[in-house]
Amino acid sequence: MKIGDHFDDPQEDGEPSTSPFTSESPDPEATPGLNSGREIATRATEAISPEACADFVKYCEEHTASFIRVAHRITGNLWDAQDAVQDIFLKFWKNWPAPEFRIRILNNRGYAYRSIANAAIDTIRSGKSRQEREEEDARKVIVGIDEYSRVEDDDSFNRMLDVLRTLNPTWRLVIHLRYAQELKIAEVAAVLRISEATARRYEKRALKALEEAYKRN
C-alpha cells in the first residue's frame, strides 16, 4: 500500500534532495516511513515522548530488513512483504505510547515475528493486488481533503490519483499521514524525523500539485 527513496532530507530547510516526481523501486533494506511502500502512521491514543519516538525509529531501523525477509518467505514477493511489515509497524506505533507495550516488543522478538507472519498471511488472503491497495489509499487521501470530497468527474479524479502516485515520495507520505491517517502536523514531523516547518512545506507543495491537476480540464 505504500505510496523508493530515502526520506531523510539533507536539505531539510531547502529543496528536497529528490526531484518532485520520481520513480519507485523496492528496497528491503530501507526503513519504513523512509521508503516508498511503507507508512508508519496512525494516531497514537496518548501523547508520546520524544524518547519513546526515538526508540520507535531505532526499532524500525534495526528490524526492518529481517522482518521483510520473514514476510517475503510467506508472500513470495517483495512488495507484499513490505506491505505486511508496514501494517505491523502501524499497529506497533499505535500502541507505542504504552510503556508496557514497548517493553514487550523490545524484549520479545518472537511476538514481533509472529505478528509479521500473521500479517503476511493476511496480505495473501486479502486477494488484493498492490495496485488496488494503493488506489484505495489514494482515494482515502482525496476524500479526506474537503476541497475535493465532492469530486465526481472521473477524469478529474483520475488525474488527481495520477498526481498522488507520481509525487515525490516524501510529499505523498506527508499527505497520506495528514489526510488518510489524520495525524497532526507535529505527529507527521515526528514520524518522518523532519521539522514541522518542513512537513508543512511538503504538505503545501503536494496540495498545490493536486490543485493544479484538479483545475486542468
N, C-alpha and C. Protein backbone atom coordinates (compact mmCIF):
# COMPACT_ATOMS: atom_id res chain seq x y z
N MET A 1 0.82 -1.18 0.00
CA MET A 1 0.00 0.00 0.00
C MET A 1 0.86 1.24 0.00
N LYS A 2 2.04 1.15 -0.16
CA LYS A 2 2.84 2.33 0.07
C LYS A 2 2.92 3.17 -1.16
N ILE A 3 2.57 4.21 -0.86
CA ILE A 3 2.52 5.25 -1.84
C ILE A 3 3.81 6.02 -1.91
N GLY A 4 11.76 4.13 -4.75
CA GLY A 4 11.68 4.27 -3.35
C GLY A 4 12.90 4.95 -2.93
N ASP A 5 12.56 5.88 -2.19
CA ASP A 5 13.74 6.66 -1.88
C ASP A 5 13.79 6.95 -0.39
N HIS A 6 15.00 7.27 0.08
CA HIS A 6 15.19 7.57 1.49
C HIS A 6 14.60 8.94 1.79
N PHE A 7 13.91 9.07 2.94
CA PHE A 7 13.23 10.30 3.24
C PHE A 7 14.01 11.22 4.15
N ASP A 8 15.16 10.83 4.62
CA ASP A 8 15.98 11.79 5.36
C ASP A 8 16.42 12.86 4.38
N ASP A 9 16.06 14.10 4.63
CA ASP A 9 16.35 15.18 3.69
C ASP A 9 17.54 15.98 4.18
N PRO A 10 18.72 15.83 3.53
CA PRO A 10 19.89 16.56 3.98
C PRO A 10 19.75 18.06 3.77
N GLN A 11 18.75 18.46 2.97
CA GLN A 11 18.50 19.88 2.76
C GLN A 11 17.14 20.22 3.36
N GLU A 12 16.98 19.89 4.63
CA GLU A 12 15.67 19.98 5.26
C GLU A 12 15.03 21.35 5.12
N ASP A 13 15.81 22.41 5.18
CA ASP A 13 15.24 23.74 5.09
C ASP A 13 15.33 24.31 3.69
N GLY A 14 15.70 23.46 2.73
CA GLY A 14 15.75 23.90 1.35
C GLY A 14 14.91 23.00 0.48
N GLU A 15 15.36 22.76 -0.73
CA GLU A 15 14.61 21.91 -1.64
C GLU A 15 14.83 20.45 -1.28
N PRO A 16 13.86 19.57 -1.60
CA PRO A 16 14.06 18.15 -1.33
C PRO A 16 15.25 17.62 -2.10
N SER A 17 15.91 16.61 -1.53
CA SER A 17 17.07 16.04 -2.19
C SER A 17 16.69 15.19 -3.37
N THR A 18 15.38 14.79 -3.46
CA THR A 18 14.90 14.07 -4.63
C THR A 18 14.07 15.02 -5.46
N SER A 19 13.87 14.67 -6.73
CA SER A 19 13.07 15.52 -7.59
C SER A 19 11.61 15.42 -7.19
N PRO A 20 10.77 16.42 -7.54
CA PRO A 20 9.36 16.39 -7.16
C PRO A 20 8.64 15.17 -7.68
N PHE A 21 9.05 14.65 -8.84
CA PHE A 21 8.44 13.47 -9.39
C PHE A 21 9.52 12.43 -9.61
N THR A 22 9.29 11.23 -9.10
CA THR A 22 10.35 10.24 -9.15
C THR A 22 9.78 8.86 -9.29
N SER A 23 10.55 7.93 -9.80
CA SER A 23 10.12 6.54 -9.90
C SER A 23 10.33 5.85 -8.58
N GLU A 24 9.73 4.66 -8.44
CA GLU A 24 9.82 3.94 -7.19
C GLU A 24 10.50 2.60 -7.42
N SER A 25 11.28 2.16 -6.48
CA SER A 25 11.90 0.85 -6.57
C SER A 25 11.97 0.25 -5.20
N PRO A 26 11.64 -1.04 -5.07
CA PRO A 26 11.65 -1.66 -3.75
C PRO A 26 13.04 -1.78 -3.18
N ASP A 27 13.15 -1.56 -1.88
CA ASP A 27 14.43 -1.66 -1.20
C ASP A 27 14.21 -2.32 0.14
N PRO A 28 14.50 -3.61 0.27
CA PRO A 28 14.22 -4.31 1.51
C PRO A 28 15.05 -3.83 2.67
N GLU A 29 16.12 -3.09 2.40
CA GLU A 29 16.97 -2.62 3.49
C GLU A 29 16.51 -1.28 4.04
N ALA A 30 15.55 -0.63 3.35
CA ALA A 30 15.15 0.71 3.76
C ALA A 30 14.25 0.65 4.99
N THR A 31 14.15 1.78 5.68
CA THR A 31 13.37 1.86 6.90
C THR A 31 11.94 2.27 6.58
N PRO A 32 10.92 1.57 7.10
CA PRO A 32 9.54 2.00 6.88
C PRO A 32 9.37 3.45 7.31
N GLY A 33 8.59 4.17 6.54
CA GLY A 33 8.44 5.58 6.81
C GLY A 33 9.50 6.39 6.10
N LEU A 34 10.55 5.73 5.65
CA LEU A 34 11.62 6.39 4.92
C LEU A 34 11.74 5.83 3.51
N ASN A 35 10.85 4.95 3.13
CA ASN A 35 10.95 4.32 1.82
C ASN A 35 9.56 4.08 1.27
N SER A 36 9.39 4.26 -0.05
CA SER A 36 8.10 4.06 -0.64
C SER A 36 7.60 2.66 -0.38
N GLY A 37 6.31 2.54 -0.08
CA GLY A 37 5.68 1.26 0.17
C GLY A 37 5.36 1.02 1.61
N ARG A 38 5.81 1.96 2.52
CA ARG A 38 5.55 1.74 3.94
C ARG A 38 5.24 3.08 4.60
N GLU A 39 4.16 3.18 5.28
CA GLU A 39 3.83 4.39 6.01
C GLU A 39 3.61 4.04 7.48
N ILE A 40 4.47 4.60 8.32
CA ILE A 40 4.30 4.36 9.75
C ILE A 40 3.36 5.45 10.24
N ALA A 41 2.05 5.15 10.26
CA ALA A 41 1.15 6.22 10.57
C ALA A 41 -0.16 5.74 11.14
N THR A 42 -0.45 6.12 12.33
CA THR A 42 -1.79 6.03 12.89
C THR A 42 -1.78 6.88 14.15
N ARG A 43 -2.85 7.49 14.46
CA ARG A 43 -2.86 8.39 15.61
C ARG A 43 -2.67 7.61 16.90
N ALA A 44 -1.68 8.00 17.69
CA ALA A 44 -1.46 7.35 18.99
C ALA A 44 -2.59 7.73 19.93
N THR A 45 -2.93 6.83 20.83
CA THR A 45 -4.04 7.07 21.73
C THR A 45 -3.67 8.00 22.87
N GLU A 46 -2.40 8.27 23.04
CA GLU A 46 -1.97 9.20 24.07
C GLU A 46 -0.66 9.84 23.63
N ALA A 47 -0.28 10.89 24.34
CA ALA A 47 0.94 11.60 23.95
C ALA A 47 2.14 10.68 24.04
N ILE A 48 3.06 10.86 23.09
CA ILE A 48 4.26 10.04 23.09
C ILE A 48 5.47 10.95 23.28
N SER A 49 6.37 10.54 24.13
CA SER A 49 7.53 11.36 24.44
C SER A 49 8.55 11.30 23.31
N PRO A 50 9.40 12.32 23.19
CA PRO A 50 10.46 12.28 22.17
C PRO A 50 11.35 11.06 22.33
N GLU A 51 11.59 10.65 23.57
CA GLU A 51 12.44 9.47 23.80
C GLU A 51 11.79 8.21 23.26
N ALA A 52 10.48 8.07 23.51
CA ALA A 52 9.76 6.89 23.01
C ALA A 52 9.70 6.90 21.49
N CYS A 53 9.52 8.09 20.91
CA CYS A 53 9.51 8.20 19.45
C CYS A 53 10.85 7.80 18.88
N ALA A 54 11.93 8.22 19.52
CA ALA A 54 13.27 7.86 19.07
C ALA A 54 13.49 6.36 19.18
N ASP A 55 12.96 5.76 20.24
CA ASP A 55 13.07 4.31 20.39
C ASP A 55 12.35 3.58 19.27
N PHE A 56 11.20 4.12 18.86
CA PHE A 56 10.44 3.50 17.77
C PHE A 56 11.21 3.57 16.46
N VAL A 57 11.75 4.74 16.16
CA VAL A 57 12.54 4.90 14.94
C VAL A 57 13.72 3.94 14.94
N LYS A 58 14.41 3.84 16.07
CA LYS A 58 15.56 2.93 16.18
C LYS A 58 15.11 1.48 15.99
N TYR A 59 13.98 1.13 16.58
CA TYR A 59 13.47 -0.24 16.46
C TYR A 59 13.20 -0.58 14.99
N CYS A 60 12.56 0.34 14.28
CA CYS A 60 12.28 0.11 12.86
C CYS A 60 13.57 -0.06 12.06
N GLU A 61 14.53 0.82 12.32
CA GLU A 61 15.78 0.76 11.59
C GLU A 61 16.51 -0.56 11.81
N GLU A 62 16.44 -1.08 13.02
CA GLU A 62 17.18 -2.29 13.36
C GLU A 62 16.50 -3.57 12.88
N HIS A 63 15.18 -3.54 12.69
CA HIS A 63 14.46 -4.78 12.43
C HIS A 63 13.79 -4.86 11.06
N THR A 64 13.76 -3.77 10.30
CA THR A 64 13.05 -3.79 9.03
C THR A 64 13.53 -4.89 8.09
N ALA A 65 14.82 -4.97 7.87
CA ALA A 65 15.35 -5.94 6.91
C ALA A 65 14.99 -7.37 7.29
N SER A 66 15.17 -7.74 8.56
CA SER A 66 14.87 -9.11 8.97
C SER A 66 13.37 -9.39 8.92
N PHE A 67 12.55 -8.40 9.26
CA PHE A 67 11.10 -8.58 9.19
C PHE A 67 10.65 -8.79 7.75
N ILE A 68 11.22 -8.02 6.83
CA ILE A 68 10.85 -8.17 5.42
C ILE A 68 11.24 -9.55 4.91
N ARG A 69 12.39 -10.05 5.33
CA ARG A 69 12.80 -11.39 4.90
C ARG A 69 11.81 -12.45 5.38
N VAL A 70 11.35 -12.31 6.62
CA VAL A 70 10.37 -13.26 7.15
C VAL A 70 9.07 -13.19 6.35
N ALA A 71 8.59 -11.99 6.11
CA ALA A 71 7.35 -11.82 5.36
C ALA A 71 7.49 -12.29 3.92
N HIS A 72 8.68 -12.06 3.34
CA HIS A 72 8.91 -12.45 1.95
C HIS A 72 8.83 -13.95 1.75
N ARG A 73 9.26 -14.71 2.75
CA ARG A 73 9.19 -16.16 2.65
C ARG A 73 7.74 -16.64 2.59
N ILE A 74 6.83 -15.83 3.09
CA ILE A 74 5.42 -16.20 3.08
C ILE A 74 4.69 -15.65 1.87
N THR A 75 4.93 -14.38 1.55
CA THR A 75 4.20 -13.75 0.45
C THR A 75 4.76 -14.11 -0.92
N GLY A 76 6.06 -14.37 -0.98
CA GLY A 76 6.67 -14.72 -2.25
C GLY A 76 7.05 -13.53 -3.10
N ASN A 77 6.71 -12.31 -2.68
CA ASN A 77 7.16 -11.14 -3.43
C ASN A 77 7.45 -10.00 -2.46
N LEU A 78 8.36 -9.14 -2.89
CA LEU A 78 8.87 -8.10 -2.01
C LEU A 78 7.83 -7.06 -1.65
N TRP A 79 7.02 -6.65 -2.65
CA TRP A 79 6.05 -5.60 -2.39
C TRP A 79 5.08 -5.99 -1.29
N ASP A 80 4.52 -7.20 -1.39
CA ASP A 80 3.57 -7.64 -0.37
C ASP A 80 4.25 -7.82 0.98
N ALA A 81 5.51 -8.26 0.95
CA ALA A 81 6.26 -8.39 2.21
C ALA A 81 6.43 -7.03 2.87
N GLN A 82 6.75 -6.02 2.09
CA GLN A 82 6.88 -4.67 2.63
C GLN A 82 5.55 -4.17 3.20
N ASP A 83 4.47 -4.49 2.50
CA ASP A 83 3.16 -4.07 2.99
C ASP A 83 2.82 -4.73 4.32
N ALA A 84 3.17 -6.01 4.46
CA ALA A 84 2.91 -6.73 5.71
C ALA A 84 3.69 -6.09 6.86
N VAL A 85 4.94 -5.76 6.59
CA VAL A 85 5.76 -5.11 7.63
C VAL A 85 5.19 -3.74 7.96
N GLN A 86 4.76 -3.02 6.95
CA GLN A 86 4.14 -1.72 7.19
C GLN A 86 2.94 -1.85 8.11
N ASP A 87 2.09 -2.82 7.84
CA ASP A 87 0.89 -3.00 8.66
C ASP A 87 1.25 -3.23 10.13
N ILE A 88 2.28 -4.03 10.35
CA ILE A 88 2.69 -4.32 11.72
C ILE A 88 3.28 -3.09 12.39
N PHE A 89 4.11 -2.34 11.67
CA PHE A 89 4.66 -1.13 12.26
C PHE A 89 3.56 -0.11 12.57
N LEU A 90 2.52 -0.07 11.74
CA LEU A 90 1.39 0.80 12.03
C LEU A 90 0.76 0.42 13.37
N LYS A 91 0.57 -0.88 13.57
CA LYS A 91 -0.03 -1.35 14.83
C LYS A 91 0.90 -1.09 16.01
N PHE A 92 2.19 -1.32 15.78
CA PHE A 92 3.15 -1.08 16.86
C PHE A 92 3.16 0.40 17.24
N TRP A 93 3.15 1.29 16.24
CA TRP A 93 3.19 2.72 16.50
C TRP A 93 1.96 3.16 17.29
N LYS A 94 0.80 2.58 16.96
CA LYS A 94 -0.44 2.94 17.65
C LYS A 94 -0.35 2.64 19.14
N ASN A 95 0.33 1.55 19.49
CA ASN A 95 0.42 1.14 20.89
C ASN A 95 1.73 1.57 21.57
N TRP A 96 2.61 2.20 20.81
CA TRP A 96 3.94 2.52 21.32
C TRP A 96 3.93 3.44 22.54
N PRO A 97 2.97 4.36 22.68
CA PRO A 97 3.00 5.22 23.86
C PRO A 97 2.92 4.47 25.18
N ALA A 98 2.37 3.25 25.18
CA ALA A 98 2.24 2.49 26.42
C ALA A 98 3.57 1.85 26.78
N PRO A 99 4.17 2.19 27.92
CA PRO A 99 5.47 1.64 28.31
C PRO A 99 5.49 0.12 28.34
N GLU A 100 4.40 -0.50 28.83
CA GLU A 100 4.37 -1.96 28.92
C GLU A 100 4.42 -2.61 27.54
N PHE A 101 3.82 -1.94 26.54
CA PHE A 101 3.87 -2.48 25.19
C PHE A 101 5.28 -2.40 24.64
N ARG A 102 5.95 -1.26 24.85
CA ARG A 102 7.32 -1.12 24.37
C ARG A 102 8.23 -2.18 25.00
N ILE A 103 8.06 -2.41 26.30
CA ILE A 103 8.88 -3.42 26.97
C ILE A 103 8.63 -4.80 26.36
N ARG A 104 7.37 -5.08 26.08
CA ARG A 104 7.02 -6.38 25.49
C ARG A 104 7.67 -6.57 24.13
N ILE A 105 7.58 -5.54 23.30
CA ILE A 105 8.13 -5.63 21.95
C ILE A 105 9.66 -5.70 21.98
N LEU A 106 10.27 -4.87 22.79
CA LEU A 106 11.73 -4.80 22.82
C LEU A 106 12.37 -6.04 23.43
N ASN A 107 11.62 -6.77 24.24
CA ASN A 107 12.19 -7.94 24.92
C ASN A 107 11.61 -9.27 24.45
N ASN A 108 10.78 -9.23 23.43
CA ASN A 108 10.15 -10.47 22.95
C ASN A 108 10.13 -10.47 21.42
N ARG A 109 11.22 -10.87 20.82
CA ARG A 109 11.30 -10.88 19.36
C ARG A 109 10.32 -11.87 18.76
N GLY A 110 10.03 -12.95 19.50
CA GLY A 110 9.10 -13.94 18.99
C GLY A 110 7.72 -13.37 18.72
N TYR A 111 7.28 -12.48 19.60
CA TYR A 111 5.98 -11.84 19.41
C TYR A 111 5.96 -11.04 18.11
N ALA A 112 7.02 -10.28 17.88
CA ALA A 112 7.09 -9.47 16.67
C ALA A 112 7.11 -10.34 15.42
N TYR A 113 7.88 -11.42 15.44
CA TYR A 113 7.96 -12.29 14.26
C TYR A 113 6.64 -13.00 14.00
N ARG A 114 5.93 -13.38 15.05
CA ARG A 114 4.61 -13.99 14.85
C ARG A 114 3.65 -12.97 14.26
N SER A 115 3.76 -11.74 14.70
CA SER A 115 2.90 -10.68 14.16
C SER A 115 3.18 -10.47 12.68
N ILE A 116 4.46 -10.47 12.31
CA ILE A 116 4.83 -10.30 10.91
C ILE A 116 4.29 -11.45 10.07
N ALA A 117 4.45 -12.67 10.55
CA ALA A 117 3.98 -13.84 9.81
C ALA A 117 2.47 -13.77 9.61
N ASN A 118 1.74 -13.42 10.65
CA ASN A 118 0.29 -13.33 10.54
C ASN A 118 -0.13 -12.24 9.56
N ALA A 119 0.58 -11.11 9.59
CA ALA A 119 0.27 -10.02 8.67
C ALA A 119 0.53 -10.44 7.23
N ALA A 120 1.60 -11.20 7.01
CA ALA A 120 1.92 -11.68 5.66
C ALA A 120 0.83 -12.62 5.16
N ILE A 121 0.36 -13.49 6.04
CA ILE A 121 -0.72 -14.41 5.66
C ILE A 121 -2.00 -13.63 5.34
N ASP A 122 -2.30 -12.63 6.15
CA ASP A 122 -3.49 -11.81 5.90
C ASP A 122 -3.39 -11.08 4.57
N THR A 123 -2.18 -10.64 4.22
CA THR A 123 -1.98 -9.96 2.94
C THR A 123 -2.32 -10.88 1.78
N ILE A 124 -1.89 -12.13 1.88
CA ILE A 124 -2.19 -13.11 0.83
C ILE A 124 -3.69 -13.38 0.77
N ARG A 125 -4.30 -13.56 1.92
CA ARG A 125 -5.72 -13.89 1.97
C ARG A 125 -6.61 -12.75 1.49
N SER A 126 -6.11 -11.52 1.58
CA SER A 126 -6.92 -10.38 1.17
C SER A 126 -7.26 -10.43 -0.31
N GLY A 127 -6.36 -11.05 -1.10
CA GLY A 127 -6.63 -11.20 -2.52
C GLY A 127 -6.53 -9.91 -3.30
N LYS A 128 -6.09 -8.85 -2.66
CA LYS A 128 -5.98 -7.56 -3.34
C LYS A 128 -4.56 -7.35 -3.84
N SER A 129 -4.46 -6.82 -5.04
CA SER A 129 -3.15 -6.51 -5.58
C SER A 129 -2.63 -5.25 -4.93
N ARG A 130 -1.33 -5.06 -5.05
CA ARG A 130 -0.73 -3.83 -4.51
C ARG A 130 -1.35 -2.60 -5.15
N GLN A 131 -1.63 -2.68 -6.45
CA GLN A 131 -2.22 -1.54 -7.14
C GLN A 131 -3.59 -1.19 -6.55
N GLU A 132 -4.38 -2.22 -6.24
CA GLU A 132 -5.69 -1.98 -5.65
C GLU A 132 -5.57 -1.32 -4.28
N ARG A 133 -4.60 -1.79 -3.50
CA ARG A 133 -4.43 -1.21 -2.17
C ARG A 133 -3.95 0.24 -2.27
N GLU A 134 -3.08 0.52 -3.24
CA GLU A 134 -2.61 1.89 -3.42
C GLU A 134 -3.76 2.80 -3.83
N GLU A 135 -4.64 2.29 -4.71
CA GLU A 135 -5.75 3.12 -5.16
C GLU A 135 -6.71 3.40 -4.00
N GLU A 136 -6.98 2.41 -3.19
CA GLU A 136 -7.84 2.63 -2.03
C GLU A 136 -7.24 3.68 -1.11
N ASP A 137 -5.93 3.58 -0.92
CA ASP A 137 -5.25 4.53 -0.05
C ASP A 137 -5.33 5.94 -0.63
N ALA A 138 -5.11 6.06 -1.93
CA ALA A 138 -5.16 7.37 -2.58
C ALA A 138 -6.56 7.97 -2.48
N ARG A 139 -7.57 7.14 -2.62
CA ARG A 139 -8.94 7.63 -2.52
C ARG A 139 -9.23 8.16 -1.11
N LYS A 140 -8.69 7.50 -0.10
CA LYS A 140 -8.86 7.98 1.27
C LYS A 140 -8.24 9.36 1.42
N VAL A 141 -7.09 9.55 0.79
CA VAL A 141 -6.42 10.85 0.86
C VAL A 141 -7.29 11.92 0.23
N ILE A 142 -7.78 11.64 -0.97
CA ILE A 142 -8.54 12.65 -1.71
C ILE A 142 -9.84 13.01 -1.01
N VAL A 143 -10.59 12.02 -0.56
CA VAL A 143 -11.86 12.32 0.10
C VAL A 143 -11.63 12.94 1.47
N GLY A 144 -10.42 12.81 2.01
CA GLY A 144 -10.10 13.42 3.30
C GLY A 144 -9.81 14.89 3.19
N ILE A 145 -9.65 15.39 1.97
CA ILE A 145 -9.42 16.82 1.74
C ILE A 145 -10.74 17.44 1.33
N ASP A 146 -11.30 18.30 2.18
CA ASP A 146 -12.65 18.82 1.97
C ASP A 146 -12.86 19.40 0.58
N GLU A 147 -11.85 20.08 0.09
CA GLU A 147 -11.98 20.76 -1.20
C GLU A 147 -12.30 19.79 -2.33
N TYR A 148 -11.88 18.52 -2.18
CA TYR A 148 -12.06 17.56 -3.25
C TYR A 148 -13.05 16.45 -2.89
N SER A 149 -13.71 16.58 -1.74
CA SER A 149 -14.56 15.48 -1.26
C SER A 149 -15.77 15.23 -2.15
N ARG A 150 -16.13 16.21 -2.98
CA ARG A 150 -17.29 16.04 -3.85
C ARG A 150 -16.89 15.81 -5.30
N VAL A 151 -15.66 15.46 -5.53
CA VAL A 151 -15.21 15.21 -6.90
C VAL A 151 -15.94 13.99 -7.45
N GLU A 152 -16.68 14.20 -8.52
CA GLU A 152 -17.42 13.10 -9.13
C GLU A 152 -16.98 12.85 -10.56
N ASP A 153 -16.33 13.82 -11.15
CA ASP A 153 -15.85 13.67 -12.52
C ASP A 153 -14.72 12.65 -12.55
N ASP A 154 -14.91 11.56 -13.27
CA ASP A 154 -13.90 10.50 -13.30
C ASP A 154 -12.57 11.00 -13.83
N ASP A 155 -12.61 11.86 -14.85
CA ASP A 155 -11.37 12.37 -15.42
C ASP A 155 -10.60 13.19 -14.38
N SER A 156 -11.29 14.07 -13.68
CA SER A 156 -10.64 14.88 -12.66
C SER A 156 -10.09 14.01 -11.54
N PHE A 157 -10.91 13.03 -11.12
CA PHE A 157 -10.49 12.15 -10.04
C PHE A 157 -9.27 11.35 -10.44
N ASN A 158 -9.27 10.82 -11.65
CA ASN A 158 -8.14 10.01 -12.11
C ASN A 158 -6.88 10.84 -12.26
N ARG A 159 -7.02 12.10 -12.67
CA ARG A 159 -5.85 12.97 -12.77
C ARG A 159 -5.23 13.17 -11.40
N MET A 160 -6.07 13.34 -10.40
CA MET A 160 -5.57 13.54 -9.05
C MET A 160 -4.91 12.27 -8.51
N LEU A 161 -5.50 11.12 -8.84
CA LEU A 161 -4.88 9.86 -8.45
C LEU A 161 -3.50 9.72 -9.07
N ASP A 162 -3.41 10.09 -10.34
CA ASP A 162 -2.13 10.00 -11.04
C ASP A 162 -1.09 10.92 -10.39
N VAL A 163 -1.52 12.12 -10.00
CA VAL A 163 -0.59 13.05 -9.35
C VAL A 163 -0.12 12.48 -8.03
N LEU A 164 -1.02 11.92 -7.25
CA LEU A 164 -0.63 11.33 -5.97
C LEU A 164 0.40 10.23 -6.15
N ARG A 165 0.22 9.41 -7.17
CA ARG A 165 1.12 8.28 -7.38
C ARG A 165 2.50 8.73 -7.84
N THR A 166 2.58 9.90 -8.47
CA THR A 166 3.86 10.34 -9.03
C THR A 166 4.56 11.42 -8.21
N LEU A 167 3.93 11.84 -7.13
CA LEU A 167 4.57 12.85 -6.27
C LEU A 167 5.87 12.32 -5.68
N ASN A 168 6.74 13.26 -5.35
CA ASN A 168 7.90 12.91 -4.54
C ASN A 168 7.40 12.08 -3.36
N PRO A 169 8.02 10.93 -3.07
CA PRO A 169 7.52 10.05 -2.00
C PRO A 169 7.33 10.74 -0.66
N THR A 170 8.21 11.70 -0.33
CA THR A 170 8.06 12.40 0.93
C THR A 170 6.77 13.21 0.96
N TRP A 171 6.51 13.93 -0.12
CA TRP A 171 5.30 14.74 -0.18
C TRP A 171 4.07 13.86 -0.06
N ARG A 172 4.09 12.76 -0.80
CA ARG A 172 2.93 11.86 -0.79
C ARG A 172 2.69 11.28 0.59
N LEU A 173 3.77 10.94 1.26
CA LEU A 173 3.65 10.38 2.59
C LEU A 173 3.08 11.40 3.57
N VAL A 174 3.54 12.64 3.46
CA VAL A 174 3.01 13.70 4.32
C VAL A 174 1.50 13.84 4.11
N ILE A 175 1.07 13.85 2.86
CA ILE A 175 -0.35 13.98 2.55
C ILE A 175 -1.13 12.80 3.10
N HIS A 176 -0.57 11.60 2.94
CA HIS A 176 -1.24 10.41 3.45
C HIS A 176 -1.42 10.48 4.97
N LEU A 177 -0.35 10.83 5.66
CA LEU A 177 -0.41 10.88 7.11
C LEU A 177 -1.40 11.94 7.60
N ARG A 178 -1.43 13.07 6.89
CA ARG A 178 -2.30 14.17 7.31
C ARG A 178 -3.77 13.89 7.04
N TYR A 179 -4.09 13.33 5.86
CA TYR A 179 -5.49 13.28 5.45
C TYR A 179 -6.10 11.88 5.48
N ALA A 180 -5.32 10.84 5.28
CA ALA A 180 -5.85 9.48 5.38
C ALA A 180 -5.76 8.98 6.81
N GLN A 181 -4.61 9.25 7.47
CA GLN A 181 -4.42 8.81 8.85
C GLN A 181 -4.78 9.87 9.88
N GLU A 182 -5.02 11.11 9.40
CA GLU A 182 -5.47 12.21 10.26
C GLU A 182 -4.51 12.54 11.39
N LEU A 183 -3.24 12.50 11.10
CA LEU A 183 -2.24 12.92 12.08
C LEU A 183 -2.10 14.43 12.08
N LYS A 184 -1.74 14.98 13.23
CA LYS A 184 -1.40 16.38 13.30
C LYS A 184 -0.04 16.60 12.65
N ILE A 185 0.21 17.84 12.25
CA ILE A 185 1.46 18.12 11.54
C ILE A 185 2.66 17.80 12.43
N ALA A 186 2.54 18.01 13.74
CA ALA A 186 3.64 17.69 14.65
C ALA A 186 3.90 16.19 14.68
N GLU A 187 2.83 15.39 14.60
CA GLU A 187 2.99 13.94 14.59
C GLU A 187 3.64 13.48 13.28
N VAL A 188 3.23 14.11 12.18
CA VAL A 188 3.84 13.79 10.89
C VAL A 188 5.34 14.06 10.93
N ALA A 189 5.70 15.22 11.46
CA ALA A 189 7.11 15.59 11.55
C ALA A 189 7.89 14.60 12.40
N ALA A 190 7.29 14.15 13.50
CA ALA A 190 7.97 13.21 14.38
C ALA A 190 8.18 11.87 13.70
N VAL A 191 7.16 11.38 13.00
CA VAL A 191 7.27 10.09 12.32
C VAL A 191 8.34 10.14 11.23
N LEU A 192 8.39 11.24 10.48
CA LEU A 192 9.33 11.35 9.37
C LEU A 192 10.69 11.90 9.78
N ARG A 193 10.81 12.32 11.03
CA ARG A 193 12.06 12.90 11.54
C ARG A 193 12.47 14.13 10.75
N ILE A 194 11.51 15.01 10.54
CA ILE A 194 11.77 16.29 9.90
C ILE A 194 11.15 17.37 10.78
N SER A 195 11.48 18.62 10.52
CA SER A 195 10.91 19.70 11.32
C SER A 195 9.46 19.93 10.91
N GLU A 196 8.70 20.56 11.80
CA GLU A 196 7.31 20.88 11.47
C GLU A 196 7.24 21.82 10.28
N ALA A 197 8.18 22.75 10.20
CA ALA A 197 8.19 23.69 9.07
C ALA A 197 8.38 22.95 7.76
N THR A 198 9.26 21.95 7.76
CA THR A 198 9.48 21.16 6.55
C THR A 198 8.25 20.35 6.21
N ALA A 199 7.61 19.76 7.21
CA ALA A 199 6.40 18.98 6.97
C ALA A 199 5.31 19.86 6.37
N ARG A 200 5.16 21.07 6.90
CA ARG A 200 4.16 21.99 6.36
C ARG A 200 4.49 22.38 4.92
N ARG A 201 5.77 22.58 4.64
CA ARG A 201 6.17 22.96 3.29
C ARG A 201 5.87 21.84 2.30
N TYR A 202 6.18 20.59 2.69
CA TYR A 202 5.89 19.46 1.81
C TYR A 202 4.39 19.31 1.59
N GLU A 203 3.62 19.52 2.65
CA GLU A 203 2.16 19.43 2.53
C GLU A 203 1.65 20.48 1.54
N LYS A 204 2.16 21.70 1.66
CA LYS A 204 1.73 22.79 0.79
C LYS A 204 2.06 22.48 -0.67
N ARG A 205 3.24 21.94 -0.93
CA ARG A 205 3.64 21.64 -2.30
C ARG A 205 2.79 20.53 -2.89
N ALA A 206 2.50 19.51 -2.08
CA ALA A 206 1.68 18.40 -2.57
C ALA A 206 0.27 18.88 -2.87
N LEU A 207 -0.29 19.70 -1.99
CA LEU A 207 -1.64 20.21 -2.21
C LEU A 207 -1.70 21.10 -3.45
N LYS A 208 -0.64 21.85 -3.69
CA LYS A 208 -0.60 22.69 -4.89
C LYS A 208 -0.60 21.83 -6.14
N ALA A 209 0.15 20.73 -6.12
CA ALA A 209 0.17 19.83 -7.28
C ALA A 209 -1.20 19.22 -7.51
N LEU A 210 -1.89 18.86 -6.43
CA LEU A 210 -3.25 18.32 -6.55
C LEU A 210 -4.21 19.37 -7.11
N GLU A 211 -4.07 20.60 -6.63
CA GLU A 211 -4.94 21.67 -7.10
C GLU A 211 -4.77 21.91 -8.59
N GLU A 212 -3.52 21.91 -9.05
CA GLU A 212 -3.26 22.13 -10.47
C GLU A 212 -3.85 21.01 -11.31
N ALA A 213 -3.76 19.77 -10.81
CA ALA A 213 -4.34 18.63 -11.54
C ALA A 213 -5.85 18.73 -11.57
N TYR A 214 -6.44 19.19 -10.48
CA TYR A 214 -7.89 19.29 -10.37
C TYR A 214 -8.44 20.35 -11.33
N LYS A 215 -7.67 21.42 -11.53
CA LYS A 215 -8.15 22.53 -12.37
C LYS A 215 -7.96 22.27 -13.85
N ARG A 216 -7.13 21.28 -14.20
CA ARG A 216 -6.90 21.00 -15.61
C ARG A 216 -8.13 20.32 -16.21
N ASN A 217 -8.66 20.88 -17.27
CA ASN A 217 -9.84 20.30 -17.91
C ASN A 217 -9.55 20.05 -19.38
